[in-house]
Amino acid sequence: MSHKHLHLLEAIYRDPPSANIHWREVESLLSHLGATVEPAHGARFRVVLNRIEFYLHQPHNNATCQRQEIKQLREALARAGVTLSAYEASQKAD
């Protein structure tokens, strides 16, 4: 993973979450993690990561995600087994 993805993951798990996380960065991180991201209904996207399914909402008027959406993303990533400590451990093993 690039430093960019690692910094994004740190920003997602920071409390309070950053308000400067762009939707395209989230999409890039999910793709890097091996997730399937496909359009659902309207601005919602269906994401499947490590056999865990969740939905994300793409921002309409702004390229940045709202804090509430980042909190939901953090919870979904944790359910899928993607935590900051787990990711750092997997990087050291590689």
C-alpha atoms as a PDB file:
ATOM      1  CA  MET A   1       0.000   0.000   0.000  1.00  0.00           C
ATOM      2  CA  SER A   2       1.206   3.437  -0.755  1.00  0.00           C
ATOM      3  CA  HIS A   3       1.752   6.040   1.923  1.00  0.00           C
ATOM      4  CA  LYS A   4      -1.289   7.809   0.531  1.00  0.00           C
ATOM      5  CA  HIS A   5      -3.546   4.852   1.360  1.00  0.00           C
ATOM      6  CA  LEU A   6      -1.976   4.448   4.793  1.00  0.00           C
ATOM      7  CA  HIS A   7      -2.515   8.142   5.601  1.00  0.00           C
ATOM      8  CA  LEU A   8      -6.117   7.868   4.409  1.00  0.00           C
ATOM      9  CA  LEU A   9      -6.725   4.855   6.641  1.00  0.00           C
ATOM     10  CA  GLU A  10      -5.224   6.800   9.563  1.00  0.00           C
ATOM     11  CA  ALA A  11      -7.546   9.732   8.788  1.00  0.00           C
ATOM     12  CA  ILE A  12     -10.563   7.408   8.717  1.00  0.00           C
ATOM     13  CA  TYR A  13      -9.699   5.918  12.112  1.00  0.00           C
ATOM     14  CA  ARG A  14      -8.804   9.274  13.695  1.00  0.00           C
ATOM     15  CA  ASP A  15     -11.310  10.563  16.235  1.00  0.00           C
ATOM     16  CA  PRO A  16     -12.983  12.828  15.337  1.00  0.00           C
ATOM     17  CA  PRO A  17     -12.738  11.790  11.697  1.00  0.00           C
ATOM     18  CA  SER A  18     -11.263  14.174   9.195  1.00  0.00           C
ATOM     19  CA  ALA A  19     -13.689  16.340   7.234  1.00  0.00           C
ATOM     20  CA  ASN A  20     -11.300  16.514   4.298  1.00  0.00           C
ATOM     21  CA  ILE A  21     -11.580  12.992   2.862  1.00  0.00           C
ATOM     22  CA  HIS A  22     -12.502  12.880  -0.818  1.00  0.00           C
ATOM     23  CA  TRP A  23     -14.831  10.293  -2.312  1.00  0.00           C
ATOM     24  CA  ARG A  24     -12.294   9.342  -5.000  1.00  0.00           C
ATOM     25  CA  GLU A  25      -9.701   8.592  -2.309  1.00  0.00           C
ATOM     26  CA  VAL A  26     -12.192   6.298  -0.550  1.00  0.00           C
ATOM     27  CA  GLU A  27     -12.915   4.503  -3.834  1.00  0.00           C
ATOM     28  CA  SER A  28      -9.194   4.084  -4.476  1.00  0.00           C
ATOM     29  CA  LEU A  29      -8.597   2.674  -0.978  1.00  0.00           C
ATOM     30  CA  LEU A  30     -11.477   0.217  -1.283  1.00  0.00           C
ATOM     31  CA  SER A  31     -10.210  -0.980  -4.662  1.00  0.00           C
ATOM     32  CA  HIS A  32      -6.730  -1.411  -3.224  1.00  0.00           C
ATOM     33  CA  LEU A  33      -8.161  -3.489  -0.372  1.00  0.00           C
ATOM     34  CA  GLY A  34      -9.856  -5.755  -2.923  1.00  0.00           C
ATOM     35  CA  ALA A  35     -13.416  -4.541  -2.462  1.00  0.00           C
ATOM     36  CA  THR A  36     -16.075  -4.682  -5.127  1.00  0.00           C
ATOM     37  CA  VAL A  37     -17.711  -1.274  -5.535  1.00  0.00           C
ATOM     38  CA  GLU A  38     -20.769  -1.033  -7.754  1.00  0.00           C
ATOM     39  CA  PRO A  39     -23.564   1.513  -8.171  1.00  0.00           C
ATOM     40  CA  ALA A  40     -26.745   0.716  -6.272  1.00  0.00           C
ATOM     41  CA  HIS A  41     -29.637   3.172  -6.144  1.00  0.00           C
ATOM     42  CA  GLY A  42     -29.094   6.881  -6.795  1.00  0.00           C
ATOM     43  CA  ALA A  43     -25.868   8.054  -5.183  1.00  0.00           C
ATOM     44  CA  ARG A  44     -25.495   4.881  -3.116  1.00  0.00           C
ATOM     45  CA  PHE A  45     -22.791   2.338  -3.830  1.00  0.00           C
ATOM     46  CA  ARG A  46     -22.796  -1.321  -2.804  1.00  0.00           C
ATOM     47  CA  VAL A  47     -19.448  -2.416  -1.418  1.00  0.00           C
ATOM     48  CA  VAL A  48     -18.380  -5.991  -0.710  1.00  0.00           C
ATOM     49  CA  LEU A  49     -15.137  -6.386   1.224  1.00  0.00           C
ATOM     50  CA  ASN A  50     -14.004  -9.680   2.775  1.00  0.00           C
ATOM     51  CA  ARG A  51     -17.551 -11.055   2.270  1.00  0.00           C
ATOM     52  CA  ILE A  52     -19.017  -8.130   4.255  1.00  0.00           C
ATOM     53  CA  GLU A  53     -21.584  -6.056   2.360  1.00  0.00           C
ATOM     54  CA  PHE A  54     -22.264  -2.408   3.118  1.00  0.00           C
ATOM     55  CA  TYR A  55     -23.500   0.696   1.341  1.00  0.00           C
ATOM     56  CA  LEU A  56     -21.826   4.075   0.993  1.00  0.00           C
ATOM     57  CA  HIS A  57     -23.316   7.335  -0.144  1.00  0.00           C
ATOM     58  CA  GLN A  58     -21.394   9.400  -2.694  1.00  0.00           C
ATOM     59  CA  PRO A  59     -21.442  13.126  -1.856  1.00  0.00           C
ATOM     60  CA  HIS A  60     -23.597  15.230  -4.198  1.00  0.00           C
ATOM     61  CA  ASN A  61     -22.495  18.847  -4.107  1.00  0.00           C
ATOM     62  CA  ASN A  62     -19.056  18.351  -2.680  1.00  0.00           C
ATOM     63  CA  ALA A  63     -16.190  16.001  -3.393  1.00  0.00           C
ATOM     64  CA  THR A  64     -15.525  15.476   0.323  1.00  0.00           C
ATOM     65  CA  CYS A  65     -17.357  13.002   2.520  1.00  0.00           C
ATOM     66  CA  GLN A  66     -19.238  14.109   5.607  1.00  0.00           C
ATOM     67  CA  ARG A  67     -17.988  13.051   9.026  1.00  0.00           C
ATOM     68  CA  GLN A  68     -21.029  10.822   9.578  1.00  0.00           C
ATOM     69  CA  GLU A  69     -20.263   8.963   6.350  1.00  0.00           C
ATOM     70  CA  ILE A  70     -16.642   8.493   7.439  1.00  0.00           C
ATOM     71  CA  LYS A  71     -17.836   7.054  10.766  1.00  0.00           C
ATOM     72  CA  GLN A  72     -20.042   4.589   8.866  1.00  0.00           C
ATOM     73  CA  LEU A  73     -17.111   3.688   6.626  1.00  0.00           C
ATOM     74  CA  ARG A  74     -14.888   3.125   9.677  1.00  0.00           C
ATOM     75  CA  GLU A  75     -17.484   0.784  11.226  1.00  0.00           C
ATOM     76  CA  ALA A  76     -17.869  -1.139   7.962  1.00  0.00           C
ATOM     77  CA  LEU A  77     -14.100  -1.489   7.529  1.00  0.00           C
ATOM     78  CA  ALA A  78     -13.792  -2.765  11.117  1.00  0.00           C
ATOM     79  CA  ARG A  79     -16.538  -5.366  10.475  1.00  0.00           C
ATOM     80  CA  ALA A  80     -14.607  -6.463   7.374  1.00  0.00           C
ATOM     81  CA  GLY A  81     -11.427  -6.857   9.431  1.00  0.00           C
ATOM     82  CA  VAL A  82      -9.639  -3.788   8.073  1.00  0.00           C
ATOM     83  CA  THR A  83      -8.297  -1.880  11.051  1.00  0.00           C
ATOM     84  CA  LEU A  84      -5.251   0.313  11.211  1.00  0.00           C
ATOM     85  CA  SER A  85      -3.347  -2.132  13.438  1.00  0.00           C
ATOM     86  CA  ALA A  86      -4.310  -5.141  11.283  1.00  0.00           C
ATOM     87  CA  TYR A  87      -3.236  -3.312   8.151  1.00  0.00           C
ATOM     88  CA  GLU A  88       0.107  -2.244   9.627  1.00  0.00           C
ATOM     89  CA  ALA A  89       0.747  -5.836  10.774  1.00  0.00           C
ATOM     90  CA  SER A  90      -0.005  -7.188   7.291  1.00  0.00           C
ATOM     91  CA  GLN A  91       2.385  -4.651   5.738  1.00  0.00           C
ATOM     92  CA  LYS A  92       5.211  -5.711   8.053  1.00  0.00           C
ATOM     93  CA  ALA A  93       4.595  -9.356   7.099  1.00  0.00           C
ATOM     94  CA  ASP A  94       4.925  -8.546   3.384  1.00  0.00           C
END
